[in-house]
Amino acid sequence: MTGKLYGVGVGPGDPELMTLKAVKVIRDSDVIALPGEHPKDTVAWQIAVKVCPEMEEKELLAVPMPMTKDKEKLKESHRQGARIICGGLKTGKQVAFLTLGDPTVYSTYLYMHKIVKNAGYPVEIINGITSFTAVAAKLNMGLAEGGELLHVVPASYQIQDSLELPGTKVLMKAGKRIRDVKQQLKDHNVEVSMIENCGMPEEKIYYGVDEIPEDAGYYSLLIVKEKRR
């Protein structure tokens, strides 16, 4: 009998935003898999262990994930990660792979999910609260109202064309490119808010482009809205 893989979204940062289903799956799993070489150093671990302290007694599986945009290196890391996960599944163990936010939104986990599924193992995604809905709630604002469009954009890539789109723009993971992102935002007639490390102890909120620091961290999310006339 083979085990089952669960991709578990642990939410954006506040442990209280973990879903009941995520907590149940973590508690029922034999193995907890996390991205990186040191599982307990990951943000996902630090969030989930506050709600599920029994994780300390479970088997941990480190799944190295290099930070690169090299397509071949990424493919190989995904294949290797899937092999590591399948090693646990072959022995009949239930594996919960923890990921920030929601596993279906710009998550590295998805690549391994597909490989494991194609290898014939049962898989399931446990969705979590996304970072952009958490940021909007923290800012007491709506993301999309009436017929307004909503665009979710990975800010680590070029965003110029995205800023021309009508409606609300969510710019995710802008950290390394924040200086360039700020400059492009200044060239548009928009209202900007940003939260760095939403829901975490080091959370910081910024209003307006000029307030945003140029050394913002990786977990920085901007909400860009067209100025009301």
Protein backbone atom coordinates (compact mmCIF):
# COMPACT_ATOMS: atom_id res chain seq x y z
CA MET A 1 0.00 0.00 0.00
CA THR A 2 1.35 3.41 -0.97
CA GLY A 3 0.96 6.64 0.96
CA LYS A 4 -0.74 9.86 -0.08
CA LEU A 5 0.77 13.30 -0.67
CA TYR A 6 -0.98 16.42 0.58
CA GLY A 7 0.08 19.90 -0.48
CA VAL A 8 -0.93 21.97 2.54
CA GLY A 9 -1.29 25.74 2.46
CA VAL A 10 -0.49 27.17 5.89
CA GLY A 11 -1.65 30.70 5.07
CA PRO A 12 0.29 33.96 4.77
CA GLY A 13 1.92 34.20 8.19
CA ASP A 14 -0.53 34.43 11.06
CA PRO A 15 -0.92 30.93 12.55
CA GLU A 16 -4.58 31.75 13.38
CA LEU A 17 -5.26 31.94 9.64
CA MET A 18 -4.49 28.24 9.14
CA THR A 19 -7.60 26.31 8.16
CA LEU A 20 -9.06 23.52 10.30
CA LYS A 21 -8.52 21.12 7.42
CA ALA A 22 -4.84 22.02 7.14
CA VAL A 23 -4.38 21.39 10.86
CA LYS A 24 -6.16 18.03 10.63
CA VAL A 25 -4.07 16.84 7.68
CA ILE A 26 -0.84 17.86 9.40
CA ARG A 27 -1.84 16.02 12.57
CA ASP A 28 -2.84 12.91 10.61
CA SER A 29 0.34 12.80 8.50
CA ASP A 30 3.33 10.58 9.21
CA VAL A 31 5.85 12.82 7.47
CA ILE A 32 6.11 16.62 7.22
CA ALA A 33 7.94 17.81 4.10
CA LEU A 34 9.28 21.35 3.80
CA PRO A 35 11.26 23.23 1.15
CA GLY A 36 14.94 23.76 1.92
CA GLU A 37 17.76 21.87 3.56
CA HIS A 38 16.77 22.78 7.12
CA PRO A 39 13.00 22.21 7.60
CA LYS A 40 12.72 23.92 10.98
CA ASP A 41 14.23 27.13 9.57
CA THR A 42 11.44 27.54 7.02
CA VAL A 43 8.70 30.12 7.48
CA ALA A 44 6.05 27.44 6.81
CA TRP A 45 7.36 25.36 9.74
CA GLN A 46 7.47 28.36 12.06
CA ILE A 47 3.84 29.17 11.26
CA ALA A 48 2.43 25.64 11.50
CA VAL A 49 4.30 24.46 14.60
CA LYS A 50 2.55 27.13 16.69
CA VAL A 51 -0.77 25.43 15.94
CA CYS A 52 0.50 21.86 15.61
CA PRO A 53 3.29 21.44 18.18
CA GLU A 54 3.06 17.67 17.66
CA MET A 55 5.00 18.26 14.44
CA GLU A 56 8.12 18.24 16.64
CA GLU A 57 7.64 14.50 17.08
CA LYS A 58 7.04 13.68 13.40
CA GLU A 59 9.47 12.60 10.73
CA LEU A 60 10.74 15.60 8.75
CA LEU A 61 11.62 15.56 5.08
CA ALA A 62 13.91 18.24 3.68
CA VAL A 63 13.25 19.06 0.01
CA PRO A 64 16.01 21.39 -1.29
CA MET A 65 14.69 24.16 -3.54
CA PRO A 66 17.35 26.43 -5.11
CA MET A 67 16.43 30.09 -5.69
CA THR A 68 17.05 30.36 -9.42
CA LYS A 69 15.26 31.20 -12.67
CA ASP A 70 17.38 28.76 -14.70
CA LYS A 71 14.73 26.51 -16.23
CA GLU A 72 16.89 23.40 -16.43
CA LYS A 73 18.09 23.74 -12.84
CA LEU A 74 14.50 24.25 -11.70
CA LYS A 75 13.28 21.18 -13.58
CA GLU A 76 16.00 19.04 -12.06
CA SER A 77 15.28 20.34 -8.54
CA HIS A 78 11.58 19.57 -9.01
CA ARG A 79 12.36 16.05 -10.21
CA GLN A 80 14.73 15.50 -7.30
CA GLY A 81 12.16 16.89 -4.85
CA ALA A 82 9.52 14.55 -6.23
CA ARG A 83 11.91 11.59 -5.87
CA ILE A 84 12.50 12.49 -2.22
CA ILE A 85 8.75 12.68 -1.58
CA CYS A 86 8.05 9.42 -3.43
CA GLY A 87 10.61 7.73 -1.20
CA GLY A 88 8.29 8.33 1.75
CA LEU A 89 5.14 7.44 -0.15
CA LYS A 90 6.56 4.08 -1.24
CA THR A 91 6.64 2.97 2.39
CA GLY A 92 2.94 3.73 2.83
CA LYS A 93 3.41 6.96 4.77
CA GLN A 94 1.14 10.00 4.46
CA VAL A 95 3.22 13.04 3.55
CA ALA A 96 2.16 16.65 4.13
CA PHE A 97 4.20 19.18 2.16
CA LEU A 98 3.79 22.58 3.81
CA THR A 99 3.79 25.74 1.73
CA LEU A 100 3.07 29.39 2.45
CA GLY A 101 -0.25 30.88 1.42
CA ASP A 102 -2.14 28.68 -1.02
CA PRO A 103 -0.43 25.84 -2.95
CA THR A 104 -2.26 26.80 -6.16
CA VAL A 105 -0.82 30.34 -6.37
CA TYR A 106 2.78 30.65 -7.62
CA SER A 107 3.86 27.72 -5.46
CA THR A 108 6.93 25.62 -6.18
CA TYR A 109 5.04 22.71 -4.66
CA LEU A 110 2.76 22.46 -7.72
CA TYR A 111 5.59 21.23 -9.95
CA MET A 112 6.35 18.32 -7.63
CA HIS A 113 2.63 17.67 -7.14
CA LYS A 114 2.27 17.02 -10.89
CA ILE A 115 5.32 14.75 -11.04
CA VAL A 116 4.19 12.69 -8.05
CA LYS A 117 0.67 12.44 -9.47
CA ASN A 118 1.98 11.31 -12.87
CA ALA A 119 4.05 8.67 -11.06
CA GLY A 120 0.76 7.12 -9.92
CA TYR A 121 0.58 8.24 -6.30
CA PRO A 122 -2.61 9.73 -4.78
CA VAL A 123 -2.33 13.48 -4.21
CA GLU A 124 -4.54 16.22 -2.78
CA ILE A 125 -4.24 19.97 -2.36
CA ILE A 126 -5.40 21.63 0.87
CA ASN A 127 -5.93 25.25 -0.01
CA GLY A 128 -4.91 28.04 2.33
CA ILE A 129 -5.62 31.74 2.72
CA THR A 130 -3.63 33.67 0.13
CA SER A 131 -1.23 36.46 0.99
CA PHE A 132 -3.07 39.00 -1.13
CA THR A 133 -6.46 38.45 0.51
CA ALA A 134 -4.77 38.66 3.92
CA VAL A 135 -3.07 41.92 2.94
CA ALA A 136 -6.31 43.41 1.65
CA ALA A 137 -8.08 42.47 4.89
CA LYS A 138 -5.27 44.00 6.97
CA LEU A 139 -5.60 47.21 4.94
CA ASN A 140 -9.40 47.20 5.33
CA MET A 141 -9.92 47.39 1.58
CA GLY A 142 -11.62 45.36 -1.11
CA LEU A 143 -9.65 43.80 -3.94
CA ALA A 144 -12.39 43.79 -6.56
CA GLU A 145 -15.79 45.46 -6.47
CA GLY A 146 -18.60 45.40 -9.01
CA GLY A 147 -17.15 44.75 -12.45
CA GLU A 148 -13.60 45.64 -11.39
CA LEU A 149 -10.88 43.32 -12.67
CA LEU A 150 -8.23 41.75 -10.43
CA HIS A 151 -4.75 40.88 -11.71
CA VAL A 152 -2.26 38.84 -9.67
CA VAL A 153 1.27 39.50 -10.92
CA PRO A 154 4.65 37.98 -9.91
CA ALA A 155 6.68 41.15 -9.42
CA SER A 156 9.99 39.30 -9.73
CA TYR A 157 9.40 39.46 -13.48
CA GLN A 158 8.66 42.43 -15.75
CA ILE A 159 5.47 44.23 -14.70
CA GLN A 160 5.27 47.09 -17.19
CA ASP A 161 2.52 45.56 -19.34
CA SER A 162 0.58 44.46 -16.24
CA LEU A 163 0.46 48.02 -14.91
CA GLU A 164 -1.38 49.06 -18.06
CA LEU A 165 -4.25 46.67 -17.32
CA PRO A 166 -7.49 48.08 -15.89
CA GLY A 167 -8.55 47.26 -12.33
CA THR A 168 -6.61 46.24 -9.23
CA LYS A 169 -3.10 44.85 -9.52
CA VAL A 170 -1.56 42.60 -6.86
CA LEU A 171 2.25 42.56 -7.10
CA MET A 172 3.62 39.52 -5.27
CA LYS A 173 7.17 38.90 -4.00
CA ALA A 174 8.54 42.25 -5.14
CA GLY A 175 11.49 42.27 -2.71
CA LYS A 176 14.53 41.95 -4.98
CA ARG A 177 13.09 44.22 -7.68
CA ILE A 178 11.48 46.77 -5.39
CA ARG A 179 13.57 49.70 -6.65
CA ASP A 180 12.55 49.04 -10.25
CA VAL A 181 8.94 48.39 -9.21
CA LYS A 182 8.80 51.73 -7.35
CA GLN A 183 10.09 53.61 -10.37
CA GLN A 184 7.53 52.06 -12.67
CA LEU A 185 4.72 52.81 -10.22
CA LYS A 186 5.76 56.48 -10.11
CA ASP A 187 5.15 56.62 -13.85
CA HIS A 188 1.49 55.67 -13.38
CA ASN A 189 -1.45 57.45 -11.81
CA VAL A 190 -2.12 54.86 -9.12
CA GLU A 191 -2.66 54.41 -5.40
CA VAL A 192 -0.24 51.97 -3.77
CA SER A 193 -0.17 50.14 -0.45
CA MET A 194 2.35 47.52 0.63
CA ILE A 195 2.69 45.08 3.51
CA GLU A 196 5.98 43.38 4.26
CA ASN A 197 5.76 40.04 6.13
CA CYS A 198 1.97 40.14 6.51
CA GLY A 199 0.78 38.38 9.66
CA MET A 200 4.30 37.82 10.98
CA PRO A 201 5.88 39.47 14.04
CA GLU A 202 8.01 41.74 11.80
CA GLU A 203 5.03 42.96 9.73
CA LYS A 204 5.30 46.49 8.33
CA ILE A 205 2.70 48.53 6.43
CA TYR A 206 3.44 51.28 3.90
CA TYR A 207 1.11 53.71 2.16
CA GLY A 208 2.19 55.36 -1.07
CA VAL A 209 5.22 54.71 -3.29
CA ASP A 210 7.48 57.14 -1.43
CA GLU A 211 7.03 55.29 1.89
CA ILE A 212 8.16 51.95 0.47
CA PRO A 213 11.81 51.18 1.38
CA GLU A 214 14.24 50.03 -1.29
CA ASP A 215 15.47 47.21 0.94
CA ALA A 216 12.05 45.57 1.34
CA GLY A 217 12.13 41.84 2.08
CA TYR A 218 11.12 38.93 -0.15
CA TYR A 219 7.65 38.66 1.40
CA SER A 220 6.52 42.09 0.25
CA LEU A 221 3.15 42.43 -1.43
CA LEU A 222 1.77 45.55 -3.09
CA ILE A 223 -1.82 46.39 -3.95
CA VAL A 224 -2.10 48.88 -6.79
CA LYS A 225 -5.37 50.62 -7.52
CA GLU A 226 -6.37 53.20 -10.09
CA LYS A 227 -6.87 56.62 -8.53
CA ARG A 228 -10.50 57.60 -8.14
CA ARG A 229 -11.54 60.55 -10.25
